[in-house]
Amino acid sequence: MARIFLLLAVVLAVVWWLRQRAASRHEHDAAPRPAPASRKAAEAAEPMVQCAQCGVHLPRGDAIAWHGLHYCRRSHLPDGPEVPGQGESDTRP
């Protein structure tokens, strides 16, 4: 009869130990931690610029910079160089 009580005590001790271990793991996993991917994304954030033609905001690396302005696509660039006298008819004597 003593062997049964001893075996029962050992089994109960092992079950209690496993439950305590599982509870501590659950508490550890439930603790809020910053996600590594979001931290890397925040570090790699790029400044945003606005297209001079349509006003769309886009990352500076994706924009086309021309004469100090930013554009979202080639079709939004001005048609020609903005040099005085270039587009006017030439009226030399």
N, C-alpha and C. Protein backbone atom coordinates (compact mmCIF):
# COMPACT_ATOMS: atom_id res chain seq x y z
N MET A 1 0.82 -1.18 0.00
CA MET A 1 0.00 0.00 0.00
C MET A 1 0.88 1.26 0.00
N ALA A 2 2.01 1.24 0.66
CA ALA A 2 2.91 2.38 0.72
C ALA A 2 3.49 2.68 -0.66
N ARG A 3 3.71 1.62 -1.46
CA ARG A 3 4.25 1.82 -2.81
C ARG A 3 3.25 2.60 -3.68
N ILE A 4 1.98 2.34 -3.53
CA ILE A 4 0.96 3.04 -4.31
C ILE A 4 0.95 4.52 -3.95
N PHE A 5 1.01 4.84 -2.62
CA PHE A 5 1.03 6.24 -2.20
C PHE A 5 2.29 6.94 -2.68
N LEU A 6 3.41 6.25 -2.63
CA LEU A 6 4.66 6.83 -3.11
C LEU A 6 4.60 7.09 -4.62
N LEU A 7 4.08 6.14 -5.38
CA LEU A 7 3.93 6.31 -6.83
C LEU A 7 2.95 7.45 -7.14
N LEU A 8 1.86 7.55 -6.41
CA LEU A 8 0.88 8.61 -6.59
C LEU A 8 1.51 9.98 -6.27
N ALA A 9 2.32 10.05 -5.22
CA ALA A 9 2.98 11.31 -4.85
C ALA A 9 3.96 11.74 -5.94
N VAL A 10 4.70 10.80 -6.50
CA VAL A 10 5.66 11.11 -7.57
C VAL A 10 4.91 11.60 -8.81
N VAL A 11 3.84 10.94 -9.18
CA VAL A 11 3.06 11.32 -10.36
C VAL A 11 2.47 12.73 -10.16
N LEU A 12 1.92 12.99 -8.98
CA LEU A 12 1.35 14.31 -8.71
C LEU A 12 2.43 15.40 -8.72
N ALA A 13 3.60 15.09 -8.22
CA ALA A 13 4.69 16.06 -8.23
C ALA A 13 5.12 16.38 -9.66
N VAL A 14 5.21 15.37 -10.52
CA VAL A 14 5.59 15.58 -11.92
C VAL A 14 4.50 16.41 -12.63
N VAL A 15 3.24 16.11 -12.40
CA VAL A 15 2.15 16.87 -13.02
C VAL A 15 2.18 18.32 -12.54
N TRP A 16 2.39 18.55 -11.27
CA TRP A 16 2.45 19.90 -10.73
C TRP A 16 3.62 20.67 -11.35
N TRP A 17 4.78 20.02 -11.47
CA TRP A 17 5.96 20.65 -12.05
C TRP A 17 5.72 21.03 -13.52
N LEU A 18 5.09 20.14 -14.29
CA LEU A 18 4.81 20.42 -15.69
C LEU A 18 3.83 21.57 -15.85
N ARG A 19 2.82 21.65 -14.99
CA ARG A 19 1.85 22.75 -15.06
C ARG A 19 2.51 24.08 -14.72
N GLN A 20 3.39 24.10 -13.72
CA GLN A 20 4.10 25.33 -13.36
C GLN A 20 5.00 25.80 -14.51
N ARG A 21 5.65 24.85 -15.14
CA ARG A 21 6.54 25.17 -16.25
C ARG A 21 5.75 25.72 -17.44
N ALA A 22 4.61 25.12 -17.73
CA ALA A 22 3.78 25.59 -18.83
C ALA A 22 3.22 26.98 -18.53
N ALA A 23 2.84 27.23 -17.29
CA ALA A 23 2.31 28.55 -16.92
C ALA A 23 3.38 29.62 -17.05
N SER A 24 4.60 29.32 -16.64
CA SER A 24 5.67 30.33 -16.75
C SER A 24 6.01 30.59 -18.22
N ARG A 25 5.96 29.59 -19.06
CA ARG A 25 6.20 29.79 -20.49
C ARG A 25 5.10 30.65 -21.10
N HIS A 26 3.86 30.40 -20.68
CA HIS A 26 2.74 31.17 -21.21
C HIS A 26 2.87 32.65 -20.81
N GLU A 27 3.28 32.93 -19.60
CA GLU A 27 3.48 34.31 -19.15
C GLU A 27 4.61 34.97 -19.92
N HIS A 28 5.66 34.21 -20.17
CA HIS A 28 6.80 34.74 -20.91
C HIS A 28 6.41 35.05 -22.36
N ASP A 29 5.65 34.18 -22.99
CA ASP A 29 5.23 34.37 -24.38
C ASP A 29 4.21 35.49 -24.51
N ALA A 30 3.41 35.71 -23.48
CA ALA A 30 2.36 36.73 -23.54
C ALA A 30 2.90 38.13 -23.29
N ALA A 31 4.13 38.25 -22.84
CA ALA A 31 4.71 39.57 -22.57
C ALA A 31 4.88 40.32 -23.89
N PRO A 32 4.46 41.59 -23.96
CA PRO A 32 4.57 42.35 -25.21
C PRO A 32 6.02 42.67 -25.54
N ARG A 33 6.40 42.38 -26.77
CA ARG A 33 7.74 42.67 -27.26
C ARG A 33 7.61 43.33 -28.63
N PRO A 34 8.49 44.23 -28.96
CA PRO A 34 8.43 44.80 -30.30
C PRO A 34 8.84 43.76 -31.33
N ALA A 35 8.12 43.70 -32.40
CA ALA A 35 8.42 42.74 -33.46
C ALA A 35 9.68 43.19 -34.19
N PRO A 36 10.59 42.28 -34.47
CA PRO A 36 11.83 42.66 -35.15
C PRO A 36 11.58 43.26 -36.53
N ALA A 37 10.57 42.78 -37.25
CA ALA A 37 10.30 43.30 -38.59
C ALA A 37 9.84 44.75 -38.52
N SER A 38 8.99 45.08 -37.55
CA SER A 38 8.51 46.46 -37.47
C SER A 38 9.62 47.40 -37.02
N ARG A 39 10.53 46.92 -36.20
CA ARG A 39 11.65 47.75 -35.77
C ARG A 39 12.56 48.03 -36.96
N LYS A 40 12.82 47.03 -37.79
CA LYS A 40 13.65 47.23 -38.98
C LYS A 40 12.97 48.17 -39.96
N ALA A 41 11.66 48.05 -40.08
CA ALA A 41 10.93 48.92 -41.00
C ALA A 41 10.99 50.37 -40.52
N ALA A 42 10.93 50.58 -39.22
CA ALA A 42 11.00 51.94 -38.70
C ALA A 42 12.39 52.54 -38.93
N GLU A 43 13.43 51.71 -38.82
CA GLU A 43 14.78 52.21 -39.05
C GLU A 43 15.03 52.50 -40.52
N ALA A 44 14.38 51.75 -41.41
CA ALA A 44 14.59 51.91 -42.83
C ALA A 44 13.58 52.86 -43.46
N ALA A 45 12.84 53.61 -42.67
CA ALA A 45 11.83 54.53 -43.21
C ALA A 45 12.50 55.61 -44.04
N GLU A 46 11.90 55.90 -45.17
CA GLU A 46 12.46 56.87 -46.11
C GLU A 46 11.57 58.11 -46.12
N PRO A 47 12.15 59.29 -46.24
CA PRO A 47 11.32 60.50 -46.26
C PRO A 47 10.40 60.51 -47.48
N MET A 48 9.22 61.07 -47.29
CA MET A 48 8.24 61.14 -48.36
C MET A 48 8.33 62.52 -49.04
N VAL A 49 8.11 62.53 -50.35
CA VAL A 49 8.07 63.77 -51.10
C VAL A 49 6.76 63.81 -51.88
N GLN A 50 6.41 65.00 -52.35
CA GLN A 50 5.16 65.18 -53.06
C GLN A 50 5.44 65.48 -54.52
N CYS A 51 4.68 64.85 -55.41
CA CYS A 51 4.82 65.09 -56.84
C CYS A 51 4.39 66.52 -57.13
N ALA A 52 5.21 67.25 -57.90
CA ALA A 52 4.91 68.65 -58.21
C ALA A 52 3.74 68.77 -59.19
N GLN A 53 3.42 67.71 -59.90
CA GLN A 53 2.34 67.75 -60.89
C GLN A 53 1.00 67.37 -60.30
N CYS A 54 0.92 66.18 -59.66
CA CYS A 54 -0.38 65.68 -59.21
C CYS A 54 -0.55 65.70 -57.69
N GLY A 55 0.52 65.89 -56.94
CA GLY A 55 0.40 65.98 -55.48
C GLY A 55 0.48 64.66 -54.74
N VAL A 56 0.73 63.57 -55.44
CA VAL A 56 0.84 62.26 -54.80
C VAL A 56 2.10 62.20 -53.95
N HIS A 57 2.01 61.63 -52.76
CA HIS A 57 3.18 61.45 -51.90
C HIS A 57 3.80 60.09 -52.18
N LEU A 58 5.12 60.06 -52.27
CA LEU A 58 5.83 58.81 -52.52
C LEU A 58 7.21 58.90 -51.87
N PRO A 59 7.86 57.73 -51.63
CA PRO A 59 9.20 57.74 -51.03
C PRO A 59 10.18 58.47 -51.94
N ARG A 60 11.12 59.16 -51.32
CA ARG A 60 12.09 59.95 -52.08
C ARG A 60 12.88 59.09 -53.05
N GLY A 61 13.18 57.86 -52.70
CA GLY A 61 13.94 56.98 -53.57
C GLY A 61 13.19 56.58 -54.82
N ASP A 62 11.85 56.61 -54.80
CA ASP A 62 11.05 56.25 -55.97
C ASP A 62 10.72 57.46 -56.83
N ALA A 63 10.96 58.65 -56.33
CA ALA A 63 10.60 59.87 -57.06
C ALA A 63 11.67 60.23 -58.07
N ILE A 64 11.26 60.99 -59.07
CA ILE A 64 12.19 61.53 -60.07
C ILE A 64 12.45 62.98 -59.69
N ALA A 65 13.69 63.29 -59.36
CA ALA A 65 14.05 64.66 -58.97
C ALA A 65 14.53 65.40 -60.21
N TRP A 66 13.96 66.60 -60.42
CA TRP A 66 14.33 67.39 -61.58
C TRP A 66 14.19 68.86 -61.23
N HIS A 67 15.27 69.61 -61.31
CA HIS A 67 15.32 71.04 -61.01
C HIS A 67 14.74 71.34 -59.63
N GLY A 68 15.09 70.54 -58.65
CA GLY A 68 14.68 70.78 -57.28
C GLY A 68 13.26 70.34 -56.95
N LEU A 69 12.54 69.80 -57.91
CA LEU A 69 11.18 69.31 -57.68
C LEU A 69 11.16 67.80 -57.83
N HIS A 70 10.13 67.17 -57.29
CA HIS A 70 10.00 65.72 -57.37
C HIS A 70 8.74 65.36 -58.16
N TYR A 71 8.85 64.30 -58.95
CA TYR A 71 7.75 63.84 -59.77
C TYR A 71 7.57 62.35 -59.58
N CYS A 72 6.32 61.88 -59.71
CA CYS A 72 6.05 60.46 -59.47
C CYS A 72 6.28 59.61 -60.72
N ARG A 73 6.23 60.20 -61.92
CA ARG A 73 6.47 59.46 -63.16
C ARG A 73 7.00 60.39 -64.23
N ARG A 74 7.56 59.81 -65.26
CA ARG A 74 8.16 60.60 -66.33
C ARG A 74 7.12 61.47 -67.04
N SER A 75 5.91 60.97 -67.18
CA SER A 75 4.89 61.73 -67.91
C SER A 75 4.50 63.01 -67.17
N HIS A 76 4.84 63.14 -65.90
CA HIS A 76 4.52 64.34 -65.14
C HIS A 76 5.62 65.39 -65.22
N LEU A 77 6.75 65.04 -65.81
CA LEU A 77 7.81 66.03 -65.98
C LEU A 77 7.35 67.11 -66.96
N PRO A 78 7.82 68.32 -66.79
CA PRO A 78 7.47 69.37 -67.77
C PRO A 78 7.96 68.97 -69.16
N ASP A 79 7.30 69.50 -70.21
CA ASP A 79 7.59 69.08 -71.59
C ASP A 79 9.00 69.40 -72.04
N GLY A 80 9.50 70.54 -71.69
CA GLY A 80 10.83 70.90 -72.17
C GLY A 80 11.57 71.68 -71.12
N PRO A 81 12.82 72.00 -71.42
CA PRO A 81 13.59 72.79 -70.46
C PRO A 81 13.00 74.19 -70.34
N GLU A 82 13.00 74.69 -69.15
CA GLU A 82 12.42 76.00 -68.90
C GLU A 82 13.52 77.07 -68.99
N VAL A 83 14.01 77.25 -70.21
CA VAL A 83 15.05 78.24 -70.45
C VAL A 83 14.40 79.39 -71.22
N PRO A 84 14.53 80.64 -70.78
CA PRO A 84 13.91 81.77 -71.48
C PRO A 84 14.40 81.86 -72.92
N GLY A 85 13.48 82.13 -73.85
CA GLY A 85 13.85 82.29 -75.24
C GLY A 85 13.89 80.99 -76.02
N GLN A 86 13.82 79.85 -75.37
CA GLN A 86 13.93 78.56 -76.04
C GLN A 86 12.65 78.27 -76.83
N GLY A 87 11.50 78.59 -76.27
CA GLY A 87 10.24 78.25 -76.92
C GLY A 87 9.71 79.37 -77.80
N GLU A 88 10.30 80.52 -77.75
CA GLU A 88 9.83 81.64 -78.55
C GLU A 88 10.39 81.55 -79.97
N SER A 89 9.70 82.17 -80.89
CA SER A 89 10.20 82.18 -82.28
C SER A 89 11.42 83.10 -82.34
N ASP A 90 12.34 82.72 -83.13
CA ASP A 90 13.58 83.47 -83.25
C ASP A 90 13.38 84.62 -84.23
N THR A 91 13.47 85.84 -83.76
CA THR A 91 13.25 87.02 -84.61
C THR A 91 14.53 87.87 -84.63
N ARG A 92 15.58 87.32 -85.15
CA ARG A 92 16.83 88.08 -85.27
C ARG A 92 16.83 88.86 -86.56
N PRO A 93 17.42 90.07 -86.58
CA PRO A 93 17.46 90.84 -87.84
C PRO A 93 18.44 90.33 -88.83
